[in-house]
Protein backbone atom coordinates (compact mmCIF):
# COMPACT_ATOMS: atom_id res chain seq x y z
CA UNK A 1 -26.98 11.13 20.30
CA UNK A 2 -28.32 11.09 16.75
CA UNK A 3 -25.37 13.10 15.43
CA UNK A 4 -22.95 10.72 17.08
CA UNK A 5 -24.71 7.72 15.52
CA UNK A 6 -24.66 9.38 12.08
CA UNK A 7 -20.93 9.97 12.40
CA UNK A 8 -20.40 6.30 13.30
CA UNK A 9 -22.38 5.20 10.26
CA UNK A 10 -20.38 7.48 7.98
CA UNK A 11 -17.14 6.07 9.38
CA UNK A 12 -18.34 2.51 8.79
CA UNK A 13 -19.28 3.32 5.18
CA UNK A 14 -15.92 4.95 4.52
CA UNK A 15 -14.08 2.00 6.02
CA UNK A 16 -16.05 -0.44 3.87
CA UNK A 17 -15.41 1.63 0.73
CA UNK A 18 -11.61 1.57 1.11
CA UNK A 19 -9.61 0.00 -1.64
CA UNK A 20 -7.66 -3.14 -0.81
CA UNK A 21 -4.05 -2.47 0.10
CA UNK A 22 -1.36 -3.27 -2.43
CA UNK A 23 1.35 -3.78 0.16
CA UNK A 24 0.32 -6.27 2.82
CA UNK A 25 2.55 -8.40 5.03
CA UNK A 26 3.26 -11.75 3.46
CA UNK A 27 2.53 -10.69 -0.11
CA UNK A 28 5.11 -11.02 -2.89
CA UNK A 29 5.52 -7.24 -3.05
CA UNK A 30 6.03 -7.10 0.72
CA UNK A 31 8.92 -9.53 0.49
CA UNK A 32 10.55 -7.59 -2.38
CA UNK A 33 10.07 -4.23 -0.66
CA UNK A 34 11.41 -5.35 2.73
CA UNK A 35 14.37 -7.11 1.11
CA UNK A 36 15.30 -4.00 -0.86
CA UNK A 37 14.87 -1.84 2.25
CA UNK A 38 17.29 -4.11 4.11
CA UNK A 39 19.71 -3.60 1.22
CA UNK A 40 19.44 0.19 1.86
CA UNK A 41 17.37 1.02 -1.22
CA UNK A 42 15.17 4.09 -0.95
CA UNK A 43 11.39 3.86 -1.46
CA UNK A 44 11.81 5.76 -4.75
CA UNK A 45 14.34 3.19 -5.96
CA UNK A 46 12.07 0.35 -4.89
CA UNK A 47 9.08 1.83 -6.72
CA UNK A 48 11.20 2.14 -9.87
CA UNK A 49 12.43 -1.45 -9.49
CA UNK A 50 8.87 -2.74 -9.13
CA UNK A 51 7.86 -0.78 -12.21
CA UNK A 52 10.63 -2.51 -14.19
CA UNK A 53 9.85 -5.94 -12.73
CA UNK A 54 6.14 -5.77 -13.53
CA UNK A 55 5.94 -4.07 -16.93
CA UNK A 56 2.70 -5.79 -17.88
CA UNK A 57 1.15 -5.89 -14.40
CA UNK A 58 0.41 -2.37 -13.14
CA UNK A 59 -1.57 -3.79 -10.20
CA UNK A 60 1.71 -5.17 -8.81
CA UNK A 61 3.39 -1.76 -8.76
CA UNK A 62 3.59 0.25 -5.57
CA UNK A 63 4.34 3.95 -5.28
CA UNK A 64 7.01 5.32 -2.97
CA UNK A 65 4.27 7.06 -0.95
CA UNK A 66 2.64 3.68 -0.29
CA UNK A 67 5.96 2.26 0.85
CA UNK A 68 6.53 5.22 3.20
CA UNK A 69 3.07 4.96 4.76
CA UNK A 70 3.08 1.17 5.09
CA UNK A 71 6.55 0.56 6.50
């Protein structure tokens, strides 16, 4: 029982320590990414486009891995 409780506490701590997601439904990046996906752009192309769009805002950029895992 104690081991199970310790595992639950570790899971809660890990969940609380997660970074906020960059690609969430309704965000500006979400709209750009889904639009470009509908236009048949690959996640690599989208990541490159976001990099060009947000030269001075690295927090707005999203990697192709993030696009693959989110969509």
